[in-house]
Amino acid sequence: MWDINTIWFEIAIVSSTMSLGYICLGHFEERTPSLRKFFKYVFTLAIVIAISIFFGQKIALIIFGLMTIPALYIHLVWLPKKGIHGWTGKPKSKYYELRKWSKNIFDEK
């Protein structure tokens, strides 16, 4: 009944992982345009599917796992070095300054 040796398994893994990331860490991307976030998801999904088709499911999932290492490094090492909590993104003023975003939350762009 259940078969994990299909392309849909990779789609489910990538979609679930990225959804969880947006739910838990979405406050880091609150000012990023929605279209950019959408294309990030589509690009990541396309890479994983292409690798799966050409090199196999195991390699695709390993590479997807390796693609998470930079995000882990940023949140666990780099942001704390800058004085920003890697999970909450606080203080917001430092994080907005780092991203070069306006601190005025009602600012229309």
Protein backbone atom coordinates (compact mmCIF):
# COMPACT_ATOMS: atom_id res chain seq x y z
CA MET A 1 0.00 0.00 0.00
CA TRP A 2 2.65 2.56 1.02
CA ASP A 3 5.64 2.88 -1.27
CA ILE A 4 8.41 5.33 -0.50
CA ASN A 5 10.25 4.64 -3.74
CA THR A 6 8.32 7.26 -5.68
CA ILE A 7 8.98 10.87 -6.53
CA TRP A 8 6.05 11.81 -4.29
CA PHE A 9 8.06 10.78 -1.25
CA GLU A 10 10.72 13.41 -2.02
CA ILE A 11 8.01 15.98 -2.69
CA ALA A 12 6.43 15.19 0.69
CA ILE A 13 9.75 15.37 2.54
CA VAL A 14 10.79 18.68 0.96
CA SER A 15 7.32 20.20 1.36
CA SER A 16 6.99 19.10 4.98
CA THR A 17 10.47 20.27 5.92
CA MET A 18 10.08 23.66 4.29
CA SER A 19 6.58 24.12 5.76
CA LEU A 20 7.89 23.33 9.22
CA GLY A 21 10.75 25.76 8.67
CA TYR A 22 8.37 28.53 7.60
CA ILE A 23 6.10 27.84 10.57
CA CYS A 24 8.87 27.75 13.19
CA LEU A 25 11.31 30.26 11.69
CA GLY A 26 9.06 32.35 9.45
CA HIS A 27 9.49 35.40 11.64
CA PHE A 28 13.01 35.68 10.19
CA GLU A 29 11.46 36.21 6.74
CA GLU A 30 8.53 38.43 7.65
CA ARG A 31 9.64 41.19 5.28
CA THR A 32 10.77 38.92 2.46
CA PRO A 33 8.43 39.12 -0.53
CA SER A 34 6.07 36.15 -0.82
CA LEU A 35 7.10 35.54 -4.42
CA ARG A 36 10.72 35.13 -3.35
CA LYS A 37 9.72 32.58 -0.69
CA PHE A 38 7.61 30.73 -3.27
CA PHE A 39 10.48 30.55 -5.75
CA LYS A 40 12.84 29.38 -3.00
CA TYR A 41 10.50 26.46 -2.36
CA VAL A 42 10.03 25.66 -6.07
CA PHE A 43 13.78 25.89 -6.74
CA THR A 44 14.62 23.59 -3.81
CA LEU A 45 11.94 21.11 -4.87
CA ALA A 46 13.16 21.14 -8.48
CA ILE A 47 16.76 20.46 -7.41
CA VAL A 48 15.76 17.55 -5.16
CA ILE A 49 13.50 16.03 -7.83
CA ALA A 50 16.14 16.39 -10.56
CA ILE A 51 18.78 14.76 -8.35
CA SER A 52 16.34 11.99 -7.50
CA ILE A 53 15.56 11.32 -11.15
CA PHE A 54 19.19 11.32 -12.30
CA PHE A 55 21.03 9.92 -9.26
CA GLY A 56 18.43 8.18 -7.12
CA GLN A 57 16.31 8.82 -4.07
CA LYS A 58 19.02 8.14 -1.50
CA ILE A 59 21.43 10.69 -3.03
CA ALA A 60 18.62 13.27 -3.37
CA LEU A 61 17.66 12.96 0.29
CA ILE A 62 21.30 13.09 1.41
CA ILE A 63 21.86 16.28 -0.60
CA PHE A 64 18.64 17.78 0.75
CA GLY A 65 19.88 17.01 4.25
CA LEU A 66 23.20 18.66 3.44
CA MET A 67 21.32 21.70 2.15
CA THR A 68 20.03 22.27 5.69
CA ILE A 69 23.55 22.62 7.14
CA PRO A 70 23.96 26.31 6.13
CA ALA A 71 20.62 27.17 7.76
CA LEU A 72 21.63 25.36 10.94
CA TYR A 73 24.98 27.15 10.96
CA ILE A 74 23.33 30.54 10.50
CA HIS A 75 20.80 29.99 13.30
CA LEU A 76 23.07 28.21 15.77
CA VAL A 77 26.40 29.99 15.25
CA TRP A 78 26.36 33.09 13.04
CA LEU A 79 23.27 34.90 14.40
CA PRO A 80 24.30 34.44 18.06
CA LYS A 81 27.73 35.89 17.20
CA LYS A 82 25.90 38.97 15.92
CA GLY A 83 23.95 39.23 19.21
CA ILE A 84 20.70 37.85 17.77
CA HIS A 85 18.92 34.84 19.26
CA GLY A 86 18.93 32.12 16.58
CA TRP A 87 15.45 30.82 17.38
CA THR A 88 13.46 33.96 18.22
CA GLY A 89 15.31 36.58 16.17
CA LYS A 90 15.40 38.98 19.10
CA PRO A 91 16.28 41.74 19.54
CA LYS A 92 14.34 42.65 16.41
CA SER A 93 16.17 45.94 16.03
CA LYS A 94 19.52 44.16 15.60
CA TYR A 95 18.02 41.63 13.20
CA TYR A 96 16.34 44.32 11.09
CA GLU A 97 19.61 46.24 11.02
CA LEU A 98 21.45 43.10 9.90
CA ARG A 99 18.94 42.53 7.08
CA LYS A 100 18.93 46.26 6.24
CA TRP A 101 15.17 46.42 6.76
CA SER A 102 13.37 49.51 7.98
CA LYS A 103 12.53 49.30 11.68
CA ASN A 104 9.22 51.04 11.01
CA ILE A 105 6.84 48.06 10.75
CA PHE A 106 4.15 50.22 9.16
CA ASP A 107 6.46 51.40 6.39
CA GLU A 108 4.90 50.86 2.95
CA LYS A 109 7.36 49.91 0.26
